[in-house]
Amino acid sequence: LQLHGGETPERVAAIRACFGVKVIKAIGIGDSADLA
């Protein structure tokens, strides 16, 4: 599952646990602050 929205870490963990499918989380990068 590729989650490409504003899903929080908690939501990502919940989806992974609920559906039992591996998760790819997309992170938007624009500048160094986004690396956090």
PDB file of all heavy atoms in Angstrom:
ATOM      1  N   LEU A   1       0.868  -1.175   0.000  1.00  0.00           N
ATOM      2  CA  LEU A   1       0.000   0.000   0.000  1.00  0.00           C
ATOM      3  C   LEU A   1       0.899   1.217   0.000  1.00  0.00           C
ATOM      4  O   LEU A   1       1.791   1.336   0.843  1.00  0.00           O
ATOM      5  CB  LEU A   1      -0.874   0.039   1.259  1.00  0.00           C
ATOM      6  CG  LEU A   1      -1.837  -1.120   1.502  1.00  0.00           C
ATOM      7  CD1 LEU A   1      -2.559  -0.914   2.833  1.00  0.00           C
ATOM      8  CD2 LEU A   1      -2.827  -1.233   0.370  1.00  0.00           C
ATOM      9  N   GLN A   2       0.694   2.139  -0.930  1.00  0.00           N
ATOM     10  CA  GLN A   2       1.448   3.390  -0.950  1.00  0.00           C
ATOM     11  C   GLN A   2       0.542   4.504  -0.448  1.00  0.00           C
ATOM     12  O   GLN A   2      -0.449   4.839  -1.100  1.00  0.00           O
ATOM     13  CB  GLN A   2       1.957   3.712  -2.351  1.00  0.00           C
ATOM     14  CG  GLN A   2       2.784   5.000  -2.412  1.00  0.00           C
ATOM     15  CD  GLN A   2       3.393   5.220  -3.778  1.00  0.00           C
ATOM     16  OE1 GLN A   2       3.815   4.272  -4.441  1.00  0.00           O
ATOM     17  NE2 GLN A   2       3.449   6.461  -4.223  1.00  0.00           N
ATOM     18  N   LEU A   3       0.877   5.063   0.685  1.00  0.00           N
ATOM     19  CA  LEU A   3       0.078   6.123   1.305  1.00  0.00           C
ATOM     20  C   LEU A   3       0.695   7.460   0.928  1.00  0.00           C
ATOM     21  O   LEU A   3       1.777   7.813   1.384  1.00  0.00           O
ATOM     22  CB  LEU A   3       0.040   5.928   2.819  1.00  0.00           C
ATOM     23  CG  LEU A   3      -0.420   4.529   3.276  1.00  0.00           C
ATOM     24  CD1 LEU A   3      -0.421   4.444   4.802  1.00  0.00           C
ATOM     25  CD2 LEU A   3      -1.791   4.186   2.714  1.00  0.00           C
ATOM     26  N   HIS A   4      -0.016   8.223   0.091  1.00  0.00           N
ATOM     27  CA  HIS A   4       0.576   9.413  -0.513  1.00  0.00           C
ATOM     28  C   HIS A   4      -0.065  10.710  -0.013  1.00  0.00           C
ATOM     29  O   HIS A   4       0.074  11.768  -0.637  1.00  0.00           O
ATOM     30  CB  HIS A   4       0.451   9.338  -2.039  1.00  0.00           C
ATOM     31  CG  HIS A   4       1.650   9.877  -2.760  1.00  0.00           C
ATOM     32  ND1 HIS A   4       2.641   9.071  -3.272  1.00  0.00           N
ATOM     33  CD2 HIS A   4       2.034  11.133  -3.040  1.00  0.00           C
ATOM     34  CE1 HIS A   4       3.566   9.814  -3.847  1.00  0.00           C
ATOM     35  NE2 HIS A   4       3.222  11.078  -3.723  1.00  0.00           N
ATOM     36  N   GLY A   5      -0.766  10.635   1.100  1.00  0.00           N
ATOM     37  CA  GLY A   5      -1.417  11.824   1.629  1.00  0.00           C
ATOM     38  C   GLY A   5      -0.766  12.315   2.910  1.00  0.00           C
ATOM     39  O   GLY A   5       0.443  12.182   3.111  1.00  0.00           O
ATOM     40  N   GLY A   6      -1.595  12.867   3.791  1.00  0.00           N
ATOM     41  CA  GLY A   6      -1.090  13.391   5.054  1.00  0.00           C
ATOM     42  C   GLY A   6      -1.249  12.410   6.195  1.00  0.00           C
ATOM     43  O   GLY A   6      -1.392  12.814   7.361  1.00  0.00           O
ATOM     44  N   GLU A   7      -1.230  11.125   5.895  1.00  0.00           N
ATOM     45  CA  GLU A   7      -1.392  10.103   6.927  1.00  0.00           C
ATOM     46  C   GLU A   7      -0.328  10.256   8.024  1.00  0.00           C
ATOM     47  O   GLU A   7       0.870  10.365   7.731  1.00  0.00           O
ATOM     48  CB  GLU A   7      -1.289   8.696   6.322  1.00  0.00           C
ATOM     49  CG  GLU A   7      -2.332   8.386   5.269  1.00  0.00           C
ATOM     50  CD  GLU A   7      -1.908   8.756   3.853  1.00  0.00           C
ATOM     51  OE1 GLU A   7      -0.800   9.345   3.706  1.00  0.00           O
ATOM     52  OE2 GLU A   7      -2.683   8.482   2.919  1.00  0.00           O
ATOM     53  N   THR A   8      -0.767  10.269   9.269  1.00  0.00           N
ATOM     54  CA  THR A   8       0.159  10.391  10.400  1.00  0.00           C
ATOM     55  C   THR A   8       0.868   9.056  10.619  1.00  0.00           C
ATOM     56  O   THR A   8       0.422   8.003  10.134  1.00  0.00           O
ATOM     57  CB  THR A   8      -0.600  10.750  11.680  1.00  0.00           C
ATOM     58  OG1 THR A   8      -1.484   9.653  12.023  1.00  0.00           O
ATOM     59  CG2 THR A   8      -1.408  12.030  11.506  1.00  0.00           C
ATOM     60  N   PRO A   9       1.962   9.064  11.389  1.00  0.00           N
ATOM     61  CA  PRO A   9       2.613   7.794  11.710  1.00  0.00           C
ATOM     62  C   PRO A   9       1.653   6.819  12.385  1.00  0.00           C
ATOM     63  O   PRO A   9       1.706   5.606  12.129  1.00  0.00           O
ATOM     64  CB  PRO A   9       3.746   8.219  12.648  1.00  0.00           C
ATOM     65  CG  PRO A   9       4.069   9.616  12.229  1.00  0.00           C
ATOM     66  CD  PRO A   9       2.753  10.222  11.871  1.00  0.00           C
ATOM     67  N   GLU A  10       0.772   7.345  13.229  1.00  0.00           N
ATOM     68  CA  GLU A  10      -0.192   6.489  13.917  1.00  0.00           C
ATOM     69  C   GLU A  10      -1.156   5.844  12.911  1.00  0.00           C
ATOM     70  O   GLU A  10      -1.510   4.665  13.030  1.00  0.00           O
ATOM     71  CB  GLU A  10      -0.962   7.297  14.952  1.00  0.00           C
ATOM     72  CG  GLU A  10      -0.141   7.801  16.125  1.00  0.00           C
ATOM     73  CD  GLU A  10       0.759   8.985  15.784  1.00  0.00           C
ATOM     74  OE1 GLU A  10       0.503   9.666  14.749  1.00  0.00           O
ATOM     75  OE2 GLU A  10       1.719   9.242  16.548  1.00  0.00           O
ATOM     76  N   ARG A  11      -1.583   6.618  11.922  1.00  0.00           N
ATOM     77  CA  ARG A  11      -2.483   6.087  10.907  1.00  0.00           C
ATOM     78  C   ARG A  11      -1.768   5.037  10.055  1.00  0.00           C
ATOM     79  O   ARG A  11      -2.348   4.000   9.710  1.00  0.00           O
ATOM     80  CB  ARG A  11      -2.999   7.232  10.022  1.00  0.00           C
ATOM     81  CG  ARG A  11      -3.867   6.809   8.845  1.00  0.00           C
ATOM     82  CD  ARG A  11      -5.131   6.112   9.274  1.00  0.00           C
ATOM     83  NE  ARG A  11      -5.985   5.822   8.127  1.00  0.00           N
ATOM     84  CZ  ARG A  11      -6.889   4.839   8.100  1.00  0.00           C
ATOM     85  NH1 ARG A  11      -7.059   4.054   9.172  1.00  0.00           N
ATOM     86  NH2 ARG A  11      -7.639   4.651   7.035  1.00  0.00           N
ATOM     87  N   VAL A  12      -0.524   5.281   9.713  1.00  0.00           N
ATOM     88  CA  VAL A  12       0.248   4.320   8.935  1.00  0.00           C
ATOM     89  C   VAL A  12       0.354   2.996   9.686  1.00  0.00           C
ATOM     90  O   VAL A  12       0.133   1.918   9.123  1.00  0.00           O
ATOM     91  CB  VAL A  12       1.656   4.873   8.622  1.00  0.00           C
ATOM     92  CG1 VAL A  12       2.526   3.794   7.981  1.00  0.00           C
ATOM     93  CG2 VAL A  12       1.566   6.085   7.700  1.00  0.00           C
ATOM     94  N   ALA A  13       0.697   3.075  10.969  1.00  0.00           N
ATOM     95  CA  ALA A  13       0.825   1.863  11.777  1.00  0.00           C
ATOM     96  C   ALA A  13      -0.503   1.128  11.883  1.00  0.00           C
ATOM     97  O   ALA A  13      -0.552  -0.105  11.821  1.00  0.00           O
ATOM     98  CB  ALA A  13       1.346   2.223  13.162  1.00  0.00           C
ATOM     99  N   ALA A  14      -1.591   1.885  12.021  1.00  0.00           N
ATOM    100  CA  ALA A  14      -2.919   1.273  12.151  1.00  0.00           C
ATOM    101  C   ALA A  14      -3.320   0.564  10.860  1.00  0.00           C
ATOM    102  O   ALA A  14      -3.875  -0.540  10.889  1.00  0.00           O
ATOM    103  CB  ALA A  14      -3.950   2.330  12.518  1.00  0.00           C
ATOM    104  N   ILE A  15      -3.046   1.186   9.718  1.00  0.00           N
ATOM    105  CA  ILE A  15      -3.379   0.579   8.427  1.00  0.00           C
ATOM    106  C   ILE A  15      -2.583  -0.711   8.228  1.00  0.00           C
ATOM    107  O   ILE A  15      -3.127  -1.739   7.805  1.00  0.00           O
ATOM    108  CB  ILE A  15      -3.100   1.573   7.280  1.00  0.00           C
ATOM    109  CG1 ILE A  15      -4.127   2.704   7.301  1.00  0.00           C
ATOM    110  CG2 ILE A  15      -3.098   0.865   5.923  1.00  0.00           C
ATOM    111  CD1 ILE A  15      -3.825   3.823   6.328  1.00  0.00           C
ATOM    112  N   ARG A  16      -1.325  -0.651   8.540  1.00  0.00           N
ATOM    113  CA  ARG A  16      -0.468  -1.830   8.375  1.00  0.00           C
ATOM    114  C   ARG A  16      -0.961  -2.977   9.248  1.00  0.00           C
ATOM    115  O   ARG A  16      -1.008  -4.140   8.811  1.00  0.00           O
ATOM    116  CB  ARG A  16       0.970  -1.453   8.734  1.00  0.00           C
ATOM    117  CG  ARG A  16       2.009  -2.496   8.392  1.00  0.00           C
ATOM    118  CD  ARG A  16       3.400  -1.957   8.668  1.00  0.00           C
ATOM    119  NE  ARG A  16       4.429  -2.895   8.298  1.00  0.00           N
ATOM    120  CZ  ARG A  16       4.858  -3.880   9.096  1.00  0.00           C
ATOM    121  NH1 ARG A  16       4.322  -4.051  10.292  1.00  0.00           N
ATOM    122  NH2 ARG A  16       5.819  -4.704   8.679  1.00  0.00           N
ATOM    123  N   ALA A  17      -1.327  -2.662  10.485  1.00  0.00           N
ATOM    124  CA  ALA A  17      -1.796  -3.692  11.402  1.00  0.00           C
ATOM    125  C   ALA A  17      -3.162  -4.240  10.996  1.00  0.00           C
ATOM    126  O   ALA A  17      -3.425  -5.436  11.102  1.00  0.00           O
ATOM    127  CB  ALA A  17      -1.864  -3.123  12.821  1.00  0.00           C
ATOM    128  N   CYS A  18      -4.040  -3.364  10.516  1.00  0.00           N
ATOM    129  CA  CYS A  18      -5.401  -3.755  10.178  1.00  0.00           C
ATOM    130  C   CYS A  18      -5.455  -4.636   8.936  1.00  0.00           C
ATOM    131  O   CYS A  18      -6.170  -5.646   8.914  1.00  0.00           O
ATOM    132  CB  CYS A  18      -6.255  -2.505   9.969  1.00  0.00           C
ATOM    133  SG  CYS A  18      -7.967  -2.846   9.478  1.00  0.00           S
ATOM    134  N   PHE A  19      -4.687  -4.278   7.906  1.00  0.00           N
ATOM    135  CA  PHE A  19      -4.821  -4.963   6.622  1.00  0.00           C
ATOM    136  C   PHE A  19      -3.725  -5.983   6.341  1.00  0.00           C
ATOM    137  O   PHE A  19      -3.842  -6.771   5.399  1.00  0.00           O
ATOM    138  CB  PHE A  19      -4.890  -3.934   5.492  1.00  0.00           C
ATOM    139  CG  PHE A  19      -6.111  -3.062   5.556  1.00  0.00           C
ATOM    140  CD1 PHE A  19      -6.039  -1.768   6.045  1.00  0.00           C
ATOM    141  CD2 PHE A  19      -7.352  -3.553   5.174  1.00  0.00           C
ATOM    142  CE1 PHE A  19      -7.173  -0.964   6.131  1.00  0.00           C
ATOM    143  CE2 PHE A  19      -8.487  -2.765   5.258  1.00  0.00           C
ATOM    144  CZ  PHE A  19      -8.401  -1.470   5.741  1.00  0.00           C
ATOM    145  N   GLY A  20      -2.661  -5.964   7.115  1.00  0.00           N
ATOM    146  CA  GLY A  20      -1.614  -6.952   6.936  1.00  0.00           C
ATOM    147  C   GLY A  20      -0.880  -6.857   5.616  1.00  0.00           C
ATOM    148  O   GLY A  20      -0.387  -7.858   5.094  1.00  0.00           O
ATOM    149  N   VAL A  21      -0.826  -5.652   5.049  1.00  0.00           N
ATOM    150  CA  VAL A  21      -0.122  -5.418   3.788  1.00  0.00           C
ATOM    151  C   VAL A  21       1.023  -4.448   4.051  1.00  0.00           C
ATOM    152  O   VAL A  21       0.872  -3.488   4.813  1.00  0.00           O
ATOM    153  CB  VAL A  21      -1.071  -4.822   2.723  1.00  0.00           C
ATOM    154  CG1 VAL A  21      -0.328  -4.603   1.406  1.00  0.00           C
ATOM    155  CG2 VAL A  21      -2.273  -5.738   2.500  1.00  0.00           C
ATOM    156  N   LYS A  22       2.170  -4.693   3.440  1.00  0.00           N
ATOM    157  CA  LYS A  22       3.315  -3.808   3.627  1.00  0.00           C
ATOM    158  C   LYS A  22       2.989  -2.406   3.132  1.00  0.00           C
ATOM    159  O   LYS A  22       2.265  -2.242   2.151  1.00  0.00           O
ATOM    160  CB  LYS A  22       4.536  -4.352   2.896  1.00  0.00           C
ATOM    161  CG  LYS A  22       5.081  -5.636   3.500  1.00  0.00           C
ATOM    162  CD  LYS A  22       6.308  -6.106   2.740  1.00  0.00           C
ATOM    163  CE  LYS A  22       6.869  -7.383   3.358  1.00  0.00           C
ATOM    164  NZ  LYS A  22       8.067  -7.858   2.628  1.00  0.00           N
ATOM    165  N   VAL A  23       3.567  -1.402   3.817  1.00  0.00           N
ATOM    166  CA  VAL A  23       3.230  -0.010   3.539  1.00  0.00           C
ATOM    167  C   VAL A  23       4.444   0.779   3.053  1.00  0.00           C
ATOM    168  O   VAL A  23       5.529   0.706   3.631  1.00  0.00           O
ATOM    169  CB  VAL A  23       2.648   0.666   4.793  1.00  0.00           C
ATOM    170  CG1 VAL A  23       2.515   2.170   4.580  1.00  0.00           C
ATOM    171  CG2 VAL A  23       1.291   0.066   5.142  1.00  0.00           C
ATOM    172  N   ILE A  24       4.232   1.533   1.975  1.00  0.00           N
ATOM    173  CA  ILE A  24       5.193   2.535   1.500  1.00  0.00           C
ATOM    174  C   ILE A  24       4.611   3.895   1.852  1.00  0.00           C
ATOM    175  O   ILE A  24       3.499   4.221   1.450  1.00  0.00           O
ATOM    176  CB  ILE A  24       5.371   2.459  -0.030  1.00  0.00           C
ATOM    177  CG1 ILE A  24       5.859   1.084  -0.461  1.00  0.00           C
ATOM    178  CG2 ILE A  24       6.342   3.553  -0.511  1.00  0.00           C
ATOM    179  CD1 ILE A  24       5.847   0.870  -1.974  1.00  0.00           C
ATOM    180  N   LYS A  25       5.338   4.703   2.618  1.00  0.00           N
ATOM    181  CA  LYS A  25       4.842   6.035   2.967  1.00  0.00           C
ATOM    182  C   LYS A  25       5.580   7.086   2.155  1.00  0.00           C
ATOM    183  O   LYS A  25       6.807   7.180   2.187  1.00  0.00           O
ATOM    184  CB  LYS A  25       5.023   6.337   4.456  1.00  0.00           C
ATOM    185  CG  LYS A  25       4.539   7.733   4.850  1.00  0.00           C
ATOM    186  CD  LYS A  25       3.040   7.873   4.648  1.00  0.00           C
ATOM    187  CE  LYS A  25       2.550   9.291   4.979  1.00  0.00           C
ATOM    188  NZ  LYS A  25       2.616  10.211   3.835  1.00  0.00           N
ATOM    189  N   ALA A  26       4.825   7.878   1.418  1.00  0.00           N
ATOM    190  CA  ALA A  26       5.399   8.966   0.627  1.00  0.00           C
ATOM    191  C   ALA A  26       5.595  10.199   1.492  1.00  0.00           C
ATOM    192  O   ALA A  26       4.723  10.559   2.291  1.00  0.00           O
ATOM    193  CB  ALA A  26       4.490   9.301  -0.546  1.00  0.00           C
ATOM    194  N   ILE A  27       6.746  10.841   1.331  1.00  0.00           N
ATOM    195  CA  ILE A  27       7.077  12.064   2.055  1.00  0.00           C
ATOM    196  C   ILE A  27       7.474  13.126   1.043  1.00  0.00           C
ATOM    197  O   ILE A  27       8.367  12.917   0.211  1.00  0.00           O
ATOM    198  CB  ILE A  27       8.230  11.830   3.050  1.00  0.00           C
ATOM    199  CG1 ILE A  27       7.815  10.782   4.108  1.00  0.00           C
ATOM    200  CG2 ILE A  27       8.651  13.138   3.725  1.00  0.00           C
ATOM    201  CD1 ILE A  27       8.941  10.381   5.035  1.00  0.00           C
ATOM    202  N   GLY A  28       6.799  14.262   1.076  1.00  0.00           N
ATOM    203  CA  GLY A  28       7.114  15.352   0.164  1.00  0.00           C
ATOM    204  C   GLY A  28       8.352  16.105   0.612  1.00  0.00           C
ATOM    205  O   GLY A  28       8.469  16.479   1.785  1.00  0.00           O
ATOM    206  N   ILE A  29       9.281  16.320  -0.315  1.00  0.00           N
ATOM    207  CA  ILE A  29      10.530  17.026  -0.006  1.00  0.00           C
ATOM    208  C   ILE A  29      10.605  18.308  -0.825  1.00  0.00           C
ATOM    209  O   ILE A  29      10.495  18.280  -2.054  1.00  0.00           O
ATOM    210  CB  ILE A  29      11.761  16.152  -0.317  1.00  0.00           C
ATOM    211  CG1 ILE A  29      11.687  14.797   0.407  1.00  0.00           C
ATOM    212  CG2 ILE A  29      13.048  16.897   0.045  1.00  0.00           C
ATOM    213  CD1 ILE A  29      11.795  14.884   1.902  1.00  0.00           C
ATOM    214  N   GLY A  30      10.790  19.422  -0.131  1.00  0.00           N
ATOM    215  CA  GLY A  30      10.971  20.694  -0.803  1.00  0.00           C
ATOM    216  C   GLY A  30      12.240  21.389  -0.359  1.00  0.00           C
ATOM    217  O   GLY A  30      12.925  22.039  -1.141  1.00  0.00           O
ATOM    218  N   ASP A  31      12.562  21.234   0.929  1.00  0.00           N
ATOM    219  CA  ASP A  31      13.788  21.802   1.478  1.00  0.00           C
ATOM    220  C   ASP A  31      14.253  20.928   2.636  1.00  0.00           C
ATOM    221  O   ASP A  31      13.617  19.916   2.966  1.00  0.00           O
ATOM    222  CB  ASP A  31      13.574  23.251   1.930  1.00  0.00           C
ATOM    223  CG  ASP A  31      12.397  23.399   2.889  1.00  0.00           C
ATOM    224  OD1 ASP A  31      12.263  22.569   3.818  1.00  0.00           O
ATOM    225  OD2 ASP A  31      11.607  24.333   2.719  1.00  0.00           O
ATOM    226  N   SER A  32      15.353  21.309   3.263  1.00  0.00           N
ATOM    227  CA  SER A  32      15.959  20.473   4.300  1.00  0.00           C
ATOM    228  C   SER A  32      15.047  20.268   5.505  1.00  0.00           C
ATOM    229  O   SER A  32      15.148  19.250   6.198  1.00  0.00           O
ATOM    230  CB  SER A  32      17.287  21.088   4.752  1.00  0.00           C
ATOM    231  OG  SER A  32      17.095  22.402   5.258  1.00  0.00           O
ATOM    232  N   ALA A  33      14.134  21.196   5.759  1.00  0.00           N
ATOM    233  CA  ALA A  33      13.234  21.060   6.896  1.00  0.00           C
ATOM    234  C   ALA A  33      12.334  19.829   6.756  1.00  0.00           C
ATOM    235  O   ALA A  33      11.930  19.220   7.756  1.00  0.00           O
ATOM    236  CB  ALA A  33      12.380  22.318   7.049  1.00  0.00           C
ATOM    237  N   ASP A  34      12.029  19.452   5.515  1.00  0.00           N
ATOM    238  CA  ASP A  34      11.149  18.304   5.288  1.00  0.00           C
ATOM    239  C   ASP A  34      11.807  16.983   5.670  1.00  0.00           C
ATOM    240  O   ASP A  34      11.111  15.970   5.863  1.00  0.00           O
ATOM    241  CB  ASP A  34      10.726  18.250   3.821  1.00  0.00           C
ATOM    242  CG  ASP A  34       9.854  19.429   3.435  1.00  0.00           C
ATOM    243  OD1 ASP A  34       9.021  19.842   4.261  1.00  0.00           O
ATOM    244  OD2 ASP A  34      10.012  19.948   2.309  1.00  0.00           O
ATOM    245  N   LEU A  35      13.126  16.956   5.764  1.00  0.00           N
ATOM    246  CA  LEU A  35      13.818  15.724   6.118  1.00  0.00           C
ATOM    247  C   LEU A  35      13.479  15.261   7.529  1.00  0.00           C
ATOM    248  O   LEU A  35      13.634  14.074   7.848  1.00  0.00           O
ATOM    249  CB  LEU A  35      15.334  15.913   5.987  1.00  0.00           C
ATOM    250  CG  LEU A  35      15.844  16.296   4.592  1.00  0.00           C
ATOM    251  CD1 LEU A  35      17.356  16.469   4.624  1.00  0.00           C
ATOM    252  CD2 LEU A  35      15.452  15.259   3.556  1.00  0.00           C
ATOM    253  N   ALA A  36      13.003  16.173   8.368  1.00  0.00           N
ATOM    254  CA  ALA A  36      12.626  15.799   9.726  1.00  0.00           C
ATOM    255  C   ALA A  36      11.467  14.809   9.739  1.00  0.00           C
ATOM    256  O   ALA A  36      11.284  14.057  10.705  1.00  0.00           O
ATOM    257  CB  ALA A  36      12.254  17.047  10.525  1.00  0.00           C
TER     258      ALA A  36
END
